[in-house]
């Protein structure tokens, strides 16, 4: 029974691939969406929504989501 370098190389590559897959699964973070209470009659300002969510609420970012033709709501996105 002879030990060849190719068997060692294949084993090493599978081990490296397994470690890589496990480490990338742990890095993924889940984002949760929560409505921010700053609804106005003219809609949502994208820049103001983002600044309010980040500075006042401690969220990752803020984004305006339309609820109709005129009204849109500001949602803050948090890391869960």
Protein backbone atom coordinates (compact mmCIF):
# COMPACT_ATOMS: atom_id res chain seq x y z
CA UNK A 1 0.00 0.00 0.00
CA UNK A 2 1.68 3.14 -1.16
CA UNK A 3 0.93 6.68 -0.01
CA UNK A 4 0.85 9.15 -2.85
CA UNK A 5 0.92 12.93 -2.84
CA UNK A 6 -2.32 13.11 -4.84
CA UNK A 7 -4.33 11.43 -2.04
CA UNK A 8 -2.90 13.88 0.47
CA UNK A 9 -3.69 16.79 -1.85
CA UNK A 10 -7.31 15.67 -2.34
CA UNK A 11 -7.80 15.22 1.41
CA UNK A 12 -6.31 18.65 2.10
CA UNK A 13 -8.57 20.32 -0.51
CA UNK A 14 -11.74 18.71 0.91
CA UNK A 15 -10.75 19.75 4.42
CA UNK A 16 -10.11 23.33 3.27
CA UNK A 17 -13.47 23.42 1.45
CA UNK A 18 -15.33 22.19 4.54
CA UNK A 19 -13.72 24.86 6.72
CA UNK A 20 -14.56 27.53 4.16
CA UNK A 21 -18.23 26.49 3.98
CA UNK A 22 -18.63 26.44 7.75
CA UNK A 23 -17.03 29.86 8.18
CA UNK A 24 -19.24 31.50 5.53
CA UNK A 25 -22.42 30.16 7.14
CA UNK A 26 -21.53 31.86 10.41
CA UNK A 27 -20.89 35.25 8.76
CA UNK A 28 -24.40 35.71 7.34
CA UNK A 29 -26.53 38.07 9.46
CA UNK A 30 -30.27 38.35 9.44
CA UNK A 31 -31.89 41.76 8.86
CA UNK A 32 -35.23 42.63 10.52
CA UNK A 33 -37.58 45.37 9.34
CA UNK A 34 -39.46 47.59 11.84
CA UNK A 35 -41.70 50.54 10.91
CA UNK A 36 -40.48 53.93 12.15
CA UNK A 37 -43.18 56.39 13.28
CA UNK A 38 -42.51 59.45 11.12
CA UNK A 39 -45.34 59.26 8.59
CA UNK A 40 -46.14 62.58 6.90
CA UNK A 41 -48.84 63.54 4.43
CA UNK A 42 -46.37 64.15 1.59
CA UNK A 43 -44.53 60.87 1.91
CA UNK A 44 -41.12 59.79 3.12
CA UNK A 45 -37.82 61.55 2.49
CA UNK A 46 -35.15 58.90 1.76
CA UNK A 47 -32.23 60.81 3.31
CA UNK A 48 -34.20 61.86 6.41
CA UNK A 49 -35.49 58.32 6.91
CA UNK A 50 -31.98 56.85 6.76
CA UNK A 51 -30.52 59.49 9.11
CA UNK A 52 -33.36 59.12 11.63
CA UNK A 53 -33.10 55.34 11.70
CA UNK A 54 -29.32 55.26 12.05
CA UNK A 55 -28.86 58.13 14.52
CA UNK A 56 -32.05 58.01 16.61
CA UNK A 57 -32.98 54.34 16.51
CA UNK A 58 -29.54 52.67 16.20
CA UNK A 59 -30.58 50.73 13.10
CA UNK A 60 -28.31 49.54 10.30
CA UNK A 61 -30.14 51.73 7.75
CA UNK A 62 -33.54 53.19 6.87
CA UNK A 63 -35.57 52.93 3.66
CA UNK A 64 -38.86 54.41 2.42
CA UNK A 65 -41.49 51.89 1.38
CA UNK A 66 -44.48 53.18 -0.63
CA UNK A 67 -47.95 52.33 0.67
CA UNK A 68 -49.85 54.00 -2.14
CA UNK A 69 -49.51 56.81 -4.65
CA UNK A 70 -48.94 59.62 -2.12
CA UNK A 71 -48.06 58.00 1.22
CA UNK A 72 -44.89 56.07 2.01
CA UNK A 73 -43.58 54.75 5.29
CA UNK A 74 -40.08 54.77 6.73
CA UNK A 75 -38.82 51.36 7.79
CA UNK A 76 -35.72 50.84 9.92
CA UNK A 77 -33.66 47.71 9.29
CA UNK A 78 -31.84 46.13 12.25
CA UNK A 79 -29.39 43.28 12.54
CA UNK A 80 -31.23 40.48 14.36
